[in-house]
Amino acid sequence: MKKLKLTYQTMILYVLTFLVIVIGDQVTKIIVDHTLSLGGSYSIIDNFFYFTYTHNTGAAWGMLAGKINLFVIVWIVAAIGIVYYFIKSEPYQKLTRFGLVLVFGGSIGNLIDRIAFGYVRDFIDFIIFGYNFPIFNVADMAITIGMALVILEICIEEYKAWKLSKSQ
């Protein structure tokens, strides 16, 4: 396996980002857990943005509810994949590496909940054009943004390769 090349500053950035995601996720969940009752809601912007406290025993949109052992197994496989892909990535793939740090941090935040409580604490609630979007948390945001960064970099690299092939 190739040697991972990281500068000291980059490693500090990744570690701090990881810690901010995991700690920020857990702290916000603790605050909501202590200030809202289960099912309780607090309006931030009427008809658009709320804090609504809920427990999610499944994955996205409540799929696979109650399958904690399955989630832990899937998490282990995913974590191995994330670490492998991070190590395999090139130093210039900054979006990919940062995105993978976000995904890993977010997945740890939700894994902590699953192991400690048997569910994930969600509270960020949006109503967008009349559609009540599924309730989520800081860890979910990190995972989503991280995956978007990985996909964006893949698209950029593919576009550059396509452009180069067209010029030859």
N, C-alpha and C. Protein backbone atom coordinates (compact mmCIF):
# COMPACT_ATOMS: atom_id res chain seq x y z
N MET A 1 0.85 -1.18 0.00
CA MET A 1 0.00 0.00 0.00
C MET A 1 0.89 1.24 0.00
N LYS A 2 0.47 2.24 -0.73
CA LYS A 2 1.30 3.45 -0.82
C LYS A 2 1.27 4.23 0.49
N LYS A 3 2.29 5.03 0.68
CA LYS A 3 2.40 5.84 1.89
C LYS A 3 1.54 7.09 1.76
N LEU A 4 0.78 7.37 2.79
CA LEU A 4 -0.08 8.55 2.82
C LEU A 4 0.77 9.79 2.99
N LYS A 5 0.58 10.76 2.12
CA LYS A 5 1.34 12.01 2.20
C LYS A 5 0.44 13.13 2.71
N LEU A 6 0.75 13.61 3.92
CA LEU A 6 0.01 14.72 4.52
C LEU A 6 1.00 15.67 5.17
N THR A 7 0.78 16.96 5.00
CA THR A 7 1.58 17.93 5.74
C THR A 7 1.06 17.98 7.17
N TYR A 8 1.87 18.49 8.06
CA TYR A 8 1.47 18.62 9.46
C TYR A 8 0.22 19.49 9.57
N GLN A 9 0.19 20.61 8.83
CA GLN A 9 -0.95 21.53 8.88
C GLN A 9 -2.23 20.85 8.37
N THR A 10 -2.09 20.06 7.31
CA THR A 10 -3.25 19.37 6.76
C THR A 10 -3.77 18.32 7.75
N MET A 11 -2.86 17.60 8.37
CA MET A 11 -3.27 16.60 9.36
C MET A 11 -4.00 17.27 10.52
N ILE A 12 -3.49 18.40 11.00
CA ILE A 12 -4.16 19.14 12.08
C ILE A 12 -5.56 19.57 11.63
N LEU A 13 -5.67 20.08 10.40
CA LEU A 13 -6.98 20.48 9.86
C LEU A 13 -7.95 19.30 9.86
N TYR A 14 -7.51 18.15 9.40
CA TYR A 14 -8.38 16.97 9.34
C TYR A 14 -8.79 16.51 10.73
N VAL A 15 -7.84 16.47 11.65
CA VAL A 15 -8.14 16.03 13.02
C VAL A 15 -9.11 17.01 13.69
N LEU A 16 -8.85 18.31 13.55
CA LEU A 16 -9.75 19.31 14.14
C LEU A 16 -11.14 19.25 13.52
N THR A 17 -11.21 19.08 12.21
CA THR A 17 -12.50 18.97 11.54
C THR A 17 -13.26 17.76 12.06
N PHE A 18 -12.58 16.63 12.16
CA PHE A 18 -13.18 15.41 12.68
C PHE A 18 -13.73 15.64 14.09
N LEU A 19 -12.91 16.25 14.95
CA LEU A 19 -13.33 16.50 16.34
C LEU A 19 -14.49 17.47 16.41
N VAL A 20 -14.47 18.53 15.61
CA VAL A 20 -15.57 19.50 15.60
C VAL A 20 -16.87 18.81 15.18
N ILE A 21 -16.80 17.94 14.18
CA ILE A 21 -18.00 17.23 13.73
C ILE A 21 -18.53 16.32 14.84
N VAL A 22 -17.68 15.46 15.38
CA VAL A 22 -18.14 14.49 16.38
C VAL A 22 -18.61 15.20 17.65
N ILE A 23 -17.81 16.13 18.17
CA ILE A 23 -18.18 16.82 19.41
C ILE A 23 -19.37 17.74 19.16
N GLY A 24 -19.36 18.48 18.06
CA GLY A 24 -20.48 19.36 17.74
C GLY A 24 -21.78 18.59 17.59
N ASP A 25 -21.71 17.44 16.94
CA ASP A 25 -22.89 16.59 16.78
C ASP A 25 -23.42 16.15 18.14
N GLN A 26 -22.54 15.63 18.98
CA GLN A 26 -22.98 15.13 20.28
C GLN A 26 -23.47 16.25 21.20
N VAL A 27 -22.80 17.39 21.19
CA VAL A 27 -23.23 18.51 22.04
C VAL A 27 -24.60 19.02 21.60
N THR A 28 -24.82 19.18 20.30
CA THR A 28 -26.14 19.67 19.85
C THR A 28 -27.23 18.66 20.20
N LYS A 29 -26.93 17.39 20.11
CA LYS A 29 -27.91 16.36 20.47
C LYS A 29 -28.21 16.40 21.97
N ILE A 30 -27.19 16.61 22.79
CA ILE A 30 -27.39 16.70 24.24
C ILE A 30 -28.24 17.92 24.57
N ILE A 31 -27.95 19.04 23.94
CA ILE A 31 -28.73 20.27 24.19
C ILE A 31 -30.20 20.04 23.84
N VAL A 32 -30.45 19.48 22.66
CA VAL A 32 -31.83 19.22 22.24
C VAL A 32 -32.49 18.22 23.18
N ASP A 33 -31.75 17.18 23.57
CA ASP A 33 -32.28 16.16 24.46
C ASP A 33 -32.71 16.75 25.80
N HIS A 34 -31.99 17.79 26.26
CA HIS A 34 -32.30 18.41 27.55
C HIS A 34 -33.29 19.58 27.45
N THR A 35 -33.55 20.08 26.25
CA THR A 35 -34.45 21.24 26.14
C THR A 35 -35.78 20.94 25.46
N LEU A 36 -35.85 19.86 24.69
CA LEU A 36 -37.11 19.50 24.03
C LEU A 36 -37.53 18.10 24.46
N SER A 37 -38.81 17.91 24.65
CA SER A 37 -39.29 16.56 24.91
C SER A 37 -39.37 15.82 23.58
N LEU A 38 -39.35 14.50 23.65
CA LEU A 38 -39.44 13.70 22.43
C LEU A 38 -40.72 14.06 21.68
N GLY A 39 -40.58 14.42 20.42
CA GLY A 39 -41.72 14.86 19.61
C GLY A 39 -41.98 16.35 19.71
N GLY A 40 -41.31 17.01 20.67
CA GLY A 40 -41.47 18.45 20.83
C GLY A 40 -40.81 19.21 19.70
N SER A 41 -41.34 20.40 19.42
CA SER A 41 -40.83 21.19 18.31
C SER A 41 -40.71 22.65 18.72
N TYR A 42 -39.67 23.31 18.22
CA TYR A 42 -39.45 24.72 18.47
C TYR A 42 -39.26 25.41 17.13
N SER A 43 -40.08 26.42 16.86
CA SER A 43 -40.03 27.12 15.58
C SER A 43 -38.87 28.11 15.55
N ILE A 44 -38.01 27.98 14.56
CA ILE A 44 -36.93 28.94 14.33
C ILE A 44 -37.42 29.96 13.30
N ILE A 45 -37.93 29.48 12.18
CA ILE A 45 -38.56 30.30 11.14
C ILE A 45 -39.88 29.61 10.79
N ASP A 46 -41.00 30.22 11.16
CA ASP A 46 -42.31 29.60 10.95
C ASP A 46 -42.49 29.08 9.53
N ASN A 47 -43.07 27.91 9.44
CA ASN A 47 -43.38 27.23 8.17
C ASN A 47 -42.15 26.93 7.32
N PHE A 48 -40.96 26.93 7.95
CA PHE A 48 -39.76 26.62 7.18
C PHE A 48 -38.73 25.82 8.00
N PHE A 49 -38.34 26.32 9.18
CA PHE A 49 -37.23 25.73 9.93
C PHE A 49 -37.60 25.56 11.40
N TYR A 50 -37.46 24.32 11.89
CA TYR A 50 -37.81 23.98 13.26
C TYR A 50 -36.72 23.09 13.87
N PHE A 51 -36.67 23.08 15.18
CA PHE A 51 -35.98 22.02 15.90
C PHE A 51 -37.08 21.10 16.40
N THR A 52 -37.13 19.89 15.91
CA THR A 52 -38.13 18.90 16.28
C THR A 52 -37.39 17.64 16.72
N TYR A 53 -37.53 17.30 17.99
CA TYR A 53 -36.76 16.19 18.54
C TYR A 53 -37.42 14.85 18.25
N THR A 54 -36.64 13.96 17.64
CA THR A 54 -37.14 12.63 17.32
C THR A 54 -36.03 11.61 17.46
N HIS A 55 -36.41 10.36 17.61
CA HIS A 55 -35.46 9.25 17.64
C HIS A 55 -35.61 8.47 16.34
N ASN A 56 -34.51 8.22 15.67
CA ASN A 56 -34.53 7.46 14.42
C ASN A 56 -33.86 6.11 14.68
N THR A 57 -34.66 5.05 14.66
CA THR A 57 -34.12 3.71 14.89
C THR A 57 -33.65 3.07 13.59
N GLY A 58 -33.84 3.77 12.47
CA GLY A 58 -33.43 3.24 11.17
C GLY A 58 -32.32 4.07 10.57
N ALA A 59 -32.19 3.95 9.26
CA ALA A 59 -31.21 4.75 8.51
C ALA A 59 -31.94 5.96 7.95
N ALA A 60 -31.50 6.44 6.81
CA ALA A 60 -32.14 7.60 6.18
C ALA A 60 -33.63 7.34 6.01
N TRP A 61 -34.43 8.30 6.41
CA TRP A 61 -35.89 8.23 6.32
C TRP A 61 -36.46 7.04 7.10
N GLY A 62 -35.71 6.58 8.12
CA GLY A 62 -36.21 5.52 8.99
C GLY A 62 -36.12 4.11 8.42
N MET A 63 -35.45 3.92 7.29
CA MET A 63 -35.33 2.58 6.71
C MET A 63 -34.53 1.67 7.65
N LEU A 64 -34.84 0.39 7.63
CA LEU A 64 -34.15 -0.64 8.42
C LEU A 64 -34.22 -0.38 9.92
N ALA A 65 -35.35 0.10 10.39
CA ALA A 65 -35.53 0.42 11.80
C ALA A 65 -35.21 -0.77 12.70
N GLY A 66 -34.47 -0.49 13.77
CA GLY A 66 -34.19 -1.49 14.79
C GLY A 66 -33.08 -2.48 14.48
N LYS A 67 -32.40 -2.35 13.39
CA LYS A 67 -31.35 -3.31 12.99
C LYS A 67 -29.97 -2.80 13.42
N ILE A 68 -29.76 -2.63 14.72
CA ILE A 68 -28.53 -2.04 15.24
C ILE A 68 -27.30 -2.86 14.86
N ASN A 69 -27.36 -4.18 15.02
CA ASN A 69 -26.21 -5.02 14.66
C ASN A 69 -25.85 -4.86 13.20
N LEU A 70 -26.84 -4.80 12.34
CA LEU A 70 -26.60 -4.60 10.91
C LEU A 70 -25.92 -3.25 10.67
N PHE A 71 -26.39 -2.21 11.37
CA PHE A 71 -25.78 -0.88 11.21
C PHE A 71 -24.31 -0.89 11.63
N VAL A 72 -24.00 -1.57 12.72
CA VAL A 72 -22.61 -1.62 13.19
C VAL A 72 -21.74 -2.35 12.17
N ILE A 73 -22.22 -3.46 11.64
CA ILE A 73 -21.46 -4.21 10.62
C ILE A 73 -21.26 -3.35 9.38
N VAL A 74 -22.33 -2.72 8.91
CA VAL A 74 -22.23 -1.85 7.73
C VAL A 74 -21.27 -0.70 8.02
N TRP A 75 -21.33 -0.14 9.24
CA TRP A 75 -20.43 0.96 9.58
C TRP A 75 -18.97 0.50 9.53
N ILE A 76 -18.67 -0.68 10.06
CA ILE A 76 -17.29 -1.18 10.04
C ILE A 76 -16.79 -1.33 8.60
N VAL A 77 -17.61 -1.91 7.75
CA VAL A 77 -17.24 -2.07 6.34
C VAL A 77 -17.05 -0.69 5.69
N ALA A 78 -17.98 0.23 5.95
CA ALA A 78 -17.88 1.58 5.37
C ALA A 78 -16.64 2.30 5.90
N ALA A 79 -16.36 2.17 7.19
CA ALA A 79 -15.19 2.83 7.78
C ALA A 79 -13.90 2.32 7.14
N ILE A 80 -13.82 1.01 6.93
CA ILE A 80 -12.64 0.45 6.25
C ILE A 80 -12.53 1.03 4.85
N GLY A 81 -13.66 1.13 4.15
CA GLY A 81 -13.67 1.71 2.81
C GLY A 81 -13.25 3.17 2.81
N ILE A 82 -13.73 3.93 3.77
CA ILE A 82 -13.40 5.36 3.87
C ILE A 82 -11.90 5.53 4.11
N VAL A 83 -11.36 4.79 5.07
CA VAL A 83 -9.94 4.89 5.39
C VAL A 83 -9.09 4.44 4.19
N TYR A 84 -9.49 3.35 3.55
CA TYR A 84 -8.75 2.86 2.38
C TYR A 84 -8.76 3.91 1.26
N TYR A 85 -9.92 4.46 0.97
CA TYR A 85 -10.04 5.45 -0.10
C TYR A 85 -9.26 6.72 0.24
N PHE A 86 -9.26 7.10 1.52
CA PHE A 86 -8.49 8.26 1.96
C PHE A 86 -7.00 8.03 1.72
N ILE A 87 -6.51 6.86 2.13
CA ILE A 87 -5.09 6.53 1.95
C ILE A 87 -4.74 6.44 0.46
N LYS A 88 -5.64 5.88 -0.32
CA LYS A 88 -5.43 5.69 -1.76
C LYS A 88 -5.48 7.02 -2.53
N SER A 89 -6.15 8.01 -1.98
CA SER A 89 -6.31 9.29 -2.67
C SER A 89 -4.96 10.00 -2.82
N GLU A 90 -4.90 10.85 -3.81
CA GLU A 90 -3.68 11.61 -4.10
C GLU A 90 -3.68 12.92 -3.31
N PRO A 91 -2.51 13.47 -3.02
CA PRO A 91 -2.44 14.73 -2.26
C PRO A 91 -3.23 15.88 -2.90
N TYR A 92 -3.33 15.90 -4.22
CA TYR A 92 -4.07 16.98 -4.88
C TYR A 92 -5.59 16.82 -4.74
N GLN A 93 -6.06 15.66 -4.30
CA GLN A 93 -7.50 15.42 -4.16
C GLN A 93 -7.99 15.96 -2.80
N LYS A 94 -7.86 17.25 -2.65
CA LYS A 94 -8.19 17.89 -1.37
C LYS A 94 -9.68 17.80 -1.03
N LEU A 95 -10.55 17.98 -2.03
CA LEU A 95 -11.99 17.88 -1.78
C LEU A 95 -12.37 16.47 -1.33
N THR A 96 -11.78 15.48 -1.98
CA THR A 96 -12.07 14.09 -1.62
C THR A 96 -11.62 13.81 -0.19
N ARG A 97 -10.41 14.19 0.12
CA ARG A 97 -9.89 13.92 1.47
C ARG A 97 -10.70 14.64 2.54
N PHE A 98 -10.99 15.91 2.31
CA PHE A 98 -11.78 16.66 3.29
C PHE A 98 -13.19 16.07 3.40
N GLY A 99 -13.77 15.72 2.26
CA GLY A 99 -15.09 15.09 2.25
C GLY A 99 -15.12 13.80 3.03
N LEU A 100 -14.09 12.98 2.88
CA LEU A 100 -14.03 11.71 3.60
C LEU A 100 -13.88 11.93 5.10
N VAL A 101 -13.17 12.97 5.50
CA VAL A 101 -13.07 13.32 6.93
C VAL A 101 -14.46 13.68 7.46
N LEU A 102 -15.22 14.47 6.69
CA LEU A 102 -16.58 14.83 7.10
C LEU A 102 -17.46 13.59 7.22
N VAL A 103 -17.40 12.72 6.23
CA VAL A 103 -18.21 11.49 6.24
C VAL A 103 -17.84 10.63 7.45
N PHE A 104 -16.55 10.46 7.69
CA PHE A 104 -16.10 9.64 8.81
C PHE A 104 -16.54 10.23 10.14
N GLY A 105 -16.37 11.54 10.31
CA GLY A 105 -16.81 12.19 11.54
C GLY A 105 -18.30 12.08 11.76
N GLY A 106 -19.07 12.32 10.70
CA GLY A 106 -20.53 12.19 10.81
C GLY A 106 -20.96 10.78 11.13
N SER A 107 -20.30 9.81 10.51
CA SER A 107 -20.68 8.42 10.76
C SER A 107 -20.34 8.01 12.19
N ILE A 108 -19.25 8.53 12.73
CA ILE A 108 -18.91 8.27 14.14
C ILE A 108 -19.96 8.88 15.06
N GLY A 109 -20.39 10.12 14.76
CA GLY A 109 -21.41 10.77 15.58
C GLY A 109 -22.69 9.95 15.66
N ASN A 110 -23.14 9.45 14.53
CA ASN A 110 -24.36 8.63 14.53
C ASN A 110 -24.12 7.25 15.14
N LEU A 111 -22.92 6.70 14.95
CA LEU A 111 -22.61 5.40 15.55
C LEU A 111 -22.62 5.49 17.07
N ILE A 112 -22.10 6.57 17.62
CA ILE A 112 -22.14 6.77 19.07
C ILE A 112 -23.57 6.68 19.57
N ASP A 113 -24.49 7.36 18.89
CA ASP A 113 -25.90 7.30 19.28
C ASP A 113 -26.46 5.88 19.19
N ARG A 114 -26.19 5.21 18.09
CA ARG A 114 -26.74 3.86 17.89
C ARG A 114 -26.26 2.91 18.99
N ILE A 115 -24.98 2.99 19.33
CA ILE A 115 -24.44 2.09 20.35
C ILE A 115 -24.95 2.49 21.74
N ALA A 116 -24.97 3.78 22.04
CA ALA A 116 -25.37 4.25 23.38
C ALA A 116 -26.87 4.14 23.63
N PHE A 117 -27.68 4.42 22.60
CA PHE A 117 -29.13 4.52 22.81
C PHE A 117 -29.97 3.54 22.00
N GLY A 118 -29.40 2.99 20.93
CA GLY A 118 -30.18 2.12 20.05
C GLY A 118 -30.92 2.89 18.98
N TYR A 119 -30.68 4.18 18.91
CA TYR A 119 -31.30 5.06 17.91
C TYR A 119 -30.42 6.29 17.74
N VAL A 120 -30.72 7.06 16.70
CA VAL A 120 -30.01 8.32 16.45
C VAL A 120 -30.94 9.46 16.82
N ARG A 121 -30.40 10.45 17.52
CA ARG A 121 -31.19 11.62 17.90
C ARG A 121 -31.15 12.64 16.75
N ASP A 122 -32.30 12.93 16.19
CA ASP A 122 -32.43 13.89 15.09
C ASP A 122 -33.26 15.08 15.56
N PHE A 123 -33.00 16.26 14.97
CA PHE A 123 -33.74 17.43 15.42
C PHE A 123 -33.85 18.56 14.40
N ILE A 124 -33.09 18.55 13.34
CA ILE A 124 -33.14 19.64 12.36
C ILE A 124 -34.26 19.33 11.37
N ASP A 125 -35.23 20.21 11.31
CA ASP A 125 -36.49 19.95 10.59
C ASP A 125 -36.82 21.10 9.66
N PHE A 126 -36.85 20.82 8.36
CA PHE A 126 -37.19 21.83 7.36
C PHE A 126 -38.47 21.47 6.63
N ILE A 127 -39.25 22.49 6.33
CA ILE A 127 -40.39 22.34 5.42
C ILE A 127 -40.02 23.15 4.18
N ILE A 128 -39.84 22.44 3.06
CA ILE A 128 -39.39 23.08 1.83
C ILE A 128 -40.49 22.95 0.78
N PHE A 129 -41.03 24.09 0.36
CA PHE A 129 -42.13 24.13 -0.62
C PHE A 129 -43.27 23.21 -0.21
N GLY A 130 -43.60 23.23 1.08
CA GLY A 130 -44.71 22.44 1.60
C GLY A 130 -44.36 21.00 1.92
N TYR A 131 -43.16 20.56 1.58
CA TYR A 131 -42.72 19.19 1.86
C TYR A 131 -41.93 19.18 3.17
N ASN A 132 -42.40 18.38 4.13
CA ASN A 132 -41.68 18.26 5.40
C ASN A 132 -40.53 17.27 5.21
N PHE A 133 -39.35 17.82 4.98
CA PHE A 133 -38.15 17.03 4.74
C PHE A 133 -37.86 16.17 5.96
N PRO A 134 -37.31 14.95 5.79
CA PRO A 134 -36.98 14.12 6.96
C PRO A 134 -36.05 14.86 7.94
N ILE A 135 -36.30 14.66 9.21
CA ILE A 135 -35.54 15.32 10.27
C ILE A 135 -34.14 14.70 10.33
N PHE A 136 -33.13 15.54 10.55
CA PHE A 136 -31.75 15.07 10.54
C PHE A 136 -30.95 15.76 11.63
N ASN A 137 -29.63 15.57 11.64
CA ASN A 137 -28.76 16.14 12.67
C ASN A 137 -27.45 16.62 12.06
N VAL A 138 -26.55 17.10 12.90
CA VAL A 138 -25.26 17.63 12.44
C VAL A 138 -24.44 16.54 11.75
N ALA A 139 -24.44 15.33 12.29
CA ALA A 139 -23.70 14.23 11.68
C ALA A 139 -24.20 13.96 10.27
N ASP A 140 -25.52 13.97 10.09
CA ASP A 140 -26.10 13.75 8.76
C ASP A 140 -25.66 14.83 7.78
N MET A 141 -25.59 16.08 8.27
CA MET A 141 -25.12 17.18 7.40
C MET A 141 -23.68 16.94 6.98
N ALA A 142 -22.84 16.52 7.93
CA ALA A 142 -21.43 16.27 7.61
C ALA A 142 -21.30 15.16 6.57
N ILE A 143 -22.07 14.09 6.74
CA ILE A 143 -22.04 12.98 5.79
C ILE A 143 -22.47 13.44 4.40
N THR A 144 -23.56 14.20 4.34
CA THR A 144 -24.09 14.67 3.06
C THR A 144 -23.12 15.63 2.37
N ILE A 145 -22.61 16.60 3.12
CA ILE A 145 -21.66 17.57 2.54
C ILE A 145 -20.38 16.84 2.12
N GLY A 146 -19.91 15.92 2.95
CA GLY A 146 -18.71 15.16 2.62
C GLY A 146 -18.86 14.37 1.34
N MET A 147 -19.99 13.68 1.19
CA MET A 147 -20.22 12.91 -0.04
C MET A 147 -20.35 13.84 -1.24
N ALA A 148 -20.97 14.99 -1.05
CA ALA A 148 -21.08 15.96 -2.15
C ALA A 148 -19.70 16.42 -2.60
N LEU A 149 -18.79 16.63 -1.65
CA LEU A 149 -17.42 17.04 -2.01
C LEU A 149 -16.69 15.95 -2.78
N VAL A 150 -16.85 14.70 -2.35
CA VAL A 150 -16.22 13.58 -3.06
C VAL A 150 -16.77 13.49 -4.49
N ILE A 151 -18.08 13.56 -4.63
CA ILE A 151 -18.71 13.49 -5.95
C ILE A 151 -18.28 14.67 -6.81
N LEU A 152 -18.23 15.86 -6.22
CA LEU A 152 -17.80 17.05 -6.96
C LEU A 152 -16.39 16.86 -7.51
N GLU A 153 -15.49 16.37 -6.68
CA GLU A 153 -14.11 16.18 -7.16
C GLU A 153 -14.05 15.13 -8.26
N ILE A 154 -14.82 14.07 -8.14
CA ILE A 154 -14.86 13.05 -9.20
C ILE A 154 -15.34 13.68 -10.50
N CYS A 155 -16.39 14.49 -10.42
CA CYS A 155 -16.92 15.17 -11.62
C CYS A 155 -15.89 16.11 -12.23
N ILE A 156 -15.19 16.85 -11.38
CA ILE A 156 -14.16 17.78 -11.86
C ILE A 156 -13.05 17.00 -12.56
N GLU A 157 -12.59 15.91 -11.95
CA GLU A 157 -11.53 15.10 -12.55
C GLU A 157 -11.98 14.49 -13.88
N GLU A 158 -13.22 14.01 -13.92
CA GLU A 158 -13.74 13.43 -15.17
C GLU A 158 -13.83 14.50 -16.26
N TYR A 159 -14.27 15.68 -15.89
CA TYR A 159 -14.37 16.78 -16.86
C TYR A 159 -12.98 17.14 -17.39
N LYS A 160 -12.00 17.23 -16.49
CA LYS A 160 -10.63 17.55 -16.93
C LYS A 160 -10.10 16.47 -17.87
N ALA A 161 -10.35 15.20 -17.55
CA ALA A 161 -9.89 14.10 -18.41
C ALA A 161 -10.59 14.16 -19.76
N TRP A 162 -11.88 14.44 -19.76
CA TRP A 162 -12.64 14.56 -21.01
C TRP A 162 -12.12 15.71 -21.85
N LYS A 163 -11.88 16.85 -21.20
CA LYS A 163 -11.38 18.03 -21.90
C LYS A 163 -10.00 17.76 -22.50
N LEU A 164 -9.15 17.06 -21.74
CA LEU A 164 -7.82 16.71 -22.23
C LEU A 164 -7.90 15.77 -23.43
N SER A 165 -8.80 14.80 -23.35
CA SER A 165 -8.94 13.84 -24.47
C SER A 165 -9.47 14.52 -25.72
N LYS A 166 -10.29 15.55 -25.55
CA LYS A 166 -10.84 16.29 -26.70
C LYS A 166 -9.76 17.13 -27.38
N SER A 167 -8.76 17.57 -26.59
CA SER A 167 -7.73 18.44 -27.15
C SER A 167 -6.62 17.65 -27.85
N GLN A 168 -6.62 16.34 -27.70
CA GLN A 168 -5.55 15.54 -28.32
C GLN A 168 -5.96 15.00 -29.66
